[in-house]
């Protein structure tokens, strides 16, 4: 069944994701956030939107590919900008 979800595991997964985001945010150097706040904000929006869409069953098929490639392209752009400095 498409609607027979085990809510305990869904909430447990969300809790683990929240902890991972908090730990990852704490590990980011402060100079990264201040120097490239636009890049950090864009990455945060992409990450949150991707995380929300992973729990929507209708988006798992095709749209995850869009976010995968969009995030990869964004990391590439940030990497090129970082290396050019």
N, C-alpha and C. Protein backbone atom coordinates (compact mmCIF):
# COMPACT_ATOMS: atom_id res chain seq x y z
N UNK A 1 0.83 -1.19 0.00
CA UNK A 1 0.00 0.00 0.00
C UNK A 1 0.87 1.24 0.00
N UNK A 2 0.42 2.22 -0.70
CA UNK A 2 1.19 3.46 -0.79
C UNK A 2 1.02 4.33 0.44
N UNK A 3 -0.03 4.13 1.21
CA UNK A 3 -0.25 5.00 2.37
C UNK A 3 -0.06 4.29 3.70
N UNK A 4 0.51 3.13 3.70
CA UNK A 4 0.73 2.38 4.93
C UNK A 4 2.14 2.65 5.44
N UNK A 5 2.36 3.85 5.98
CA UNK A 5 3.68 4.26 6.44
C UNK A 5 3.86 3.93 7.91
N UNK A 6 5.06 3.58 8.29
CA UNK A 6 5.41 3.40 9.68
C UNK A 6 5.88 4.75 10.20
N UNK A 7 5.00 5.46 10.89
CA UNK A 7 5.29 6.83 11.31
C UNK A 7 6.44 6.91 12.29
N UNK A 8 6.63 5.89 13.10
CA UNK A 8 7.75 5.92 14.04
C UNK A 8 9.07 6.08 13.29
N UNK A 9 9.27 5.29 12.24
CA UNK A 9 10.53 5.34 11.51
C UNK A 9 10.65 6.64 10.71
N UNK A 10 9.54 7.17 10.23
CA UNK A 10 9.59 8.46 9.54
C UNK A 10 10.04 9.56 10.50
N UNK A 11 9.45 9.58 11.70
CA UNK A 11 9.84 10.60 12.67
C UNK A 11 11.26 10.38 13.19
N UNK A 12 11.65 9.12 13.35
CA UNK A 12 13.02 8.82 13.77
C UNK A 12 14.02 9.30 12.72
N UNK A 13 13.70 9.08 11.45
CA UNK A 13 14.56 9.55 10.37
C UNK A 13 14.66 11.06 10.33
N UNK A 14 13.54 11.73 10.56
CA UNK A 14 13.56 13.19 10.59
C UNK A 14 14.39 13.70 11.76
N UNK A 15 14.30 13.02 12.90
CA UNK A 15 15.11 13.42 14.04
C UNK A 15 16.60 13.25 13.78
N UNK A 16 16.96 12.15 13.14
CA UNK A 16 18.37 11.92 12.81
C UNK A 16 18.86 12.97 11.81
N UNK A 17 18.02 13.29 10.85
CA UNK A 17 18.39 14.32 9.86
C UNK A 17 18.57 15.66 10.55
N UNK A 18 17.67 15.99 11.47
CA UNK A 18 17.79 17.26 12.20
C UNK A 18 19.09 17.31 13.00
N UNK A 19 19.43 16.23 13.66
CA UNK A 19 20.70 16.18 14.39
C UNK A 19 21.89 16.34 13.45
N UNK A 20 21.85 15.67 12.30
CA UNK A 20 22.94 15.77 11.34
C UNK A 20 23.08 17.20 10.83
N UNK A 21 21.96 17.87 10.58
CA UNK A 21 22.02 19.27 10.11
C UNK A 21 22.59 20.16 11.20
N UNK A 22 22.18 19.95 12.43
CA UNK A 22 22.70 20.77 13.53
C UNK A 22 24.21 20.57 13.71
N UNK A 23 24.66 19.31 13.67
CA UNK A 23 26.09 19.04 13.80
C UNK A 23 26.87 19.61 12.62
N UNK A 24 26.33 19.46 11.42
CA UNK A 24 27.01 19.99 10.24
C UNK A 24 27.07 21.50 10.27
N UNK A 25 26.00 22.14 10.72
CA UNK A 25 25.99 23.60 10.82
C UNK A 25 27.02 24.09 11.83
N UNK A 26 27.14 23.37 12.93
CA UNK A 26 28.12 23.73 13.93
C UNK A 26 29.56 23.54 13.46
N UNK A 27 29.77 22.68 12.49
CA UNK A 27 31.11 22.41 12.00
C UNK A 27 31.57 23.40 10.92
N UNK A 28 30.65 24.23 10.41
CA UNK A 28 31.00 25.18 9.36
C UNK A 28 31.78 26.34 9.97
N UNK A 29 32.94 26.65 9.44
CA UNK A 29 33.69 27.80 9.96
C UNK A 29 32.91 29.10 9.77
N UNK A 30 33.07 30.00 10.71
CA UNK A 30 32.30 31.26 10.64
C UNK A 30 32.73 32.12 9.46
N UNK A 31 33.98 32.07 9.05
CA UNK A 31 34.41 32.88 7.90
C UNK A 31 33.76 32.42 6.61
N UNK A 32 33.40 31.14 6.52
CA UNK A 32 32.70 30.65 5.33
C UNK A 32 31.33 31.29 5.20
N UNK A 33 30.63 31.39 6.31
CA UNK A 33 29.28 31.94 6.28
C UNK A 33 29.32 33.43 6.00
N UNK A 34 30.27 34.15 6.56
CA UNK A 34 30.30 35.60 6.36
C UNK A 34 30.82 35.97 4.97
N UNK A 35 31.77 35.21 4.44
CA UNK A 35 32.33 35.53 3.13
C UNK A 35 31.39 35.17 1.99
N UNK A 36 30.66 34.11 2.14
CA UNK A 36 29.78 33.68 1.05
C UNK A 36 28.39 33.39 1.60
N UNK A 37 27.77 34.39 2.21
CA UNK A 37 26.47 34.19 2.82
C UNK A 37 25.40 33.88 1.78
N UNK A 38 25.54 34.42 0.57
CA UNK A 38 24.57 34.13 -0.48
C UNK A 38 24.68 32.66 -0.88
N UNK A 39 25.89 32.16 -1.03
CA UNK A 39 26.08 30.75 -1.37
C UNK A 39 25.60 29.83 -0.26
N UNK A 40 25.87 30.21 0.98
CA UNK A 40 25.42 29.39 2.10
C UNK A 40 23.90 29.38 2.20
N UNK A 41 23.27 30.54 1.96
CA UNK A 41 21.81 30.60 2.00
C UNK A 41 21.20 29.77 0.89
N UNK A 42 21.77 29.85 -0.31
CA UNK A 42 21.24 29.07 -1.43
C UNK A 42 21.41 27.58 -1.17
N UNK A 43 22.55 27.19 -0.64
CA UNK A 43 22.76 25.78 -0.33
C UNK A 43 21.79 25.31 0.75
N UNK A 44 21.52 26.16 1.73
CA UNK A 44 20.57 25.80 2.78
C UNK A 44 19.16 25.61 2.22
N UNK A 45 18.76 26.50 1.33
CA UNK A 45 17.43 26.38 0.73
C UNK A 45 17.33 25.10 -0.10
N UNK A 46 18.35 24.82 -0.88
CA UNK A 46 18.36 23.60 -1.69
C UNK A 46 18.31 22.36 -0.80
N UNK A 47 19.09 22.37 0.26
CA UNK A 47 19.14 21.21 1.15
C UNK A 47 17.81 20.98 1.84
N UNK A 48 17.20 22.05 2.35
CA UNK A 48 15.91 21.91 3.03
C UNK A 48 14.83 21.46 2.04
N UNK A 49 14.80 22.05 0.85
CA UNK A 49 13.80 21.66 -0.14
C UNK A 49 13.98 20.20 -0.55
N UNK A 50 15.22 19.78 -0.73
CA UNK A 50 15.49 18.39 -1.09
C UNK A 50 15.08 17.44 0.03
N UNK A 51 15.37 17.83 1.26
CA UNK A 51 15.00 17.00 2.41
C UNK A 51 13.49 16.85 2.53
N UNK A 52 12.75 17.91 2.31
CA UNK A 52 11.29 17.84 2.37
C UNK A 52 10.76 16.94 1.26
N UNK A 53 11.32 17.08 0.08
CA UNK A 53 10.82 16.30 -1.05
C UNK A 53 11.12 14.82 -0.92
N UNK A 54 12.11 14.44 -0.16
CA UNK A 54 12.41 13.02 -0.01
C UNK A 54 11.31 12.29 0.76
N UNK A 55 10.47 13.02 1.51
CA UNK A 55 9.38 12.39 2.25
C UNK A 55 8.07 12.41 1.46
N UNK A 56 8.07 13.01 0.29
CA UNK A 56 6.87 13.03 -0.55
C UNK A 56 7.00 11.93 -1.60
N UNK A 57 6.14 10.95 -1.54
CA UNK A 57 6.30 9.78 -2.39
C UNK A 57 6.18 10.10 -3.87
N UNK A 58 5.39 11.11 -4.24
CA UNK A 58 5.22 11.40 -5.66
C UNK A 58 6.45 12.08 -6.26
N UNK A 59 7.30 12.64 -5.43
CA UNK A 59 8.49 13.33 -5.94
C UNK A 59 9.71 12.43 -6.05
N UNK A 60 9.65 11.26 -5.47
CA UNK A 60 10.84 10.43 -5.39
C UNK A 60 11.29 9.94 -6.77
N UNK A 61 10.37 9.83 -7.72
CA UNK A 61 10.74 9.24 -9.00
C UNK A 61 11.60 10.17 -9.86
N UNK A 62 11.03 11.30 -10.30
CA UNK A 62 11.74 12.13 -11.27
C UNK A 62 12.38 13.37 -10.66
N UNK A 63 11.69 13.99 -9.72
CA UNK A 63 12.16 15.26 -9.21
C UNK A 63 13.44 15.15 -8.41
N UNK A 64 13.70 13.98 -7.83
CA UNK A 64 14.94 13.83 -7.08
C UNK A 64 16.15 13.96 -8.00
N UNK A 65 15.98 13.58 -9.24
CA UNK A 65 17.07 13.73 -10.19
C UNK A 65 17.37 15.20 -10.45
N UNK A 66 16.33 16.02 -10.54
CA UNK A 66 16.53 17.45 -10.73
C UNK A 66 17.33 18.04 -9.57
N UNK A 67 16.93 17.72 -8.34
CA UNK A 67 17.63 18.27 -7.18
C UNK A 67 19.04 17.72 -7.07
N UNK A 68 19.24 16.48 -7.44
CA UNK A 68 20.58 15.91 -7.41
C UNK A 68 21.50 16.68 -8.35
N UNK A 69 21.05 16.92 -9.57
CA UNK A 69 21.89 17.62 -10.54
C UNK A 69 21.99 19.10 -10.21
N UNK A 70 20.93 19.71 -9.70
CA UNK A 70 20.99 21.12 -9.33
C UNK A 70 21.98 21.34 -8.19
N UNK A 71 21.97 20.47 -7.20
CA UNK A 71 22.91 20.60 -6.09
C UNK A 71 24.33 20.34 -6.55
N UNK A 72 24.53 19.36 -7.39
CA UNK A 72 25.86 19.09 -7.92
C UNK A 72 26.37 20.28 -8.72
N UNK A 73 25.51 20.87 -9.53
CA UNK A 73 25.92 22.05 -10.31
C UNK A 73 26.25 23.22 -9.38
N UNK A 74 25.49 23.37 -8.32
CA UNK A 74 25.75 24.47 -7.38
C UNK A 74 27.10 24.26 -6.69
N UNK A 75 27.40 23.05 -6.27
CA UNK A 75 28.70 22.78 -5.67
C UNK A 75 29.82 23.05 -6.67
N UNK A 76 29.61 22.72 -7.93
CA UNK A 76 30.61 22.98 -8.96
C UNK A 76 30.85 24.49 -9.09
N UNK A 77 29.77 25.27 -9.14
CA UNK A 77 29.89 26.73 -9.25
C UNK A 77 30.65 27.29 -8.04
N UNK A 78 30.30 26.83 -6.85
CA UNK A 78 30.99 27.31 -5.66
C UNK A 78 32.47 26.91 -5.68
N UNK A 79 32.75 25.69 -6.16
CA UNK A 79 34.13 25.25 -6.24
C UNK A 79 34.94 26.07 -7.22
N UNK A 80 34.36 26.38 -8.38
CA UNK A 80 35.06 27.20 -9.37
C UNK A 80 35.30 28.59 -8.83
N UNK A 81 34.31 29.16 -8.16
CA UNK A 81 34.50 30.50 -7.58
C UNK A 81 35.56 30.49 -6.48
N UNK A 82 35.57 29.40 -5.70
CA UNK A 82 36.57 29.31 -4.62
C UNK A 82 37.98 29.14 -5.14
N UNK A 83 38.16 28.37 -6.21
CA UNK A 83 39.49 28.15 -6.76
C UNK A 83 39.99 29.37 -7.53
N UNK A 84 39.08 30.19 -8.05
CA UNK A 84 39.51 31.35 -8.83
C UNK A 84 40.03 32.47 -7.94
N UNK A 85 39.78 32.42 -6.64
CA UNK A 85 40.27 33.47 -5.73
C UNK A 85 41.71 33.32 -5.51
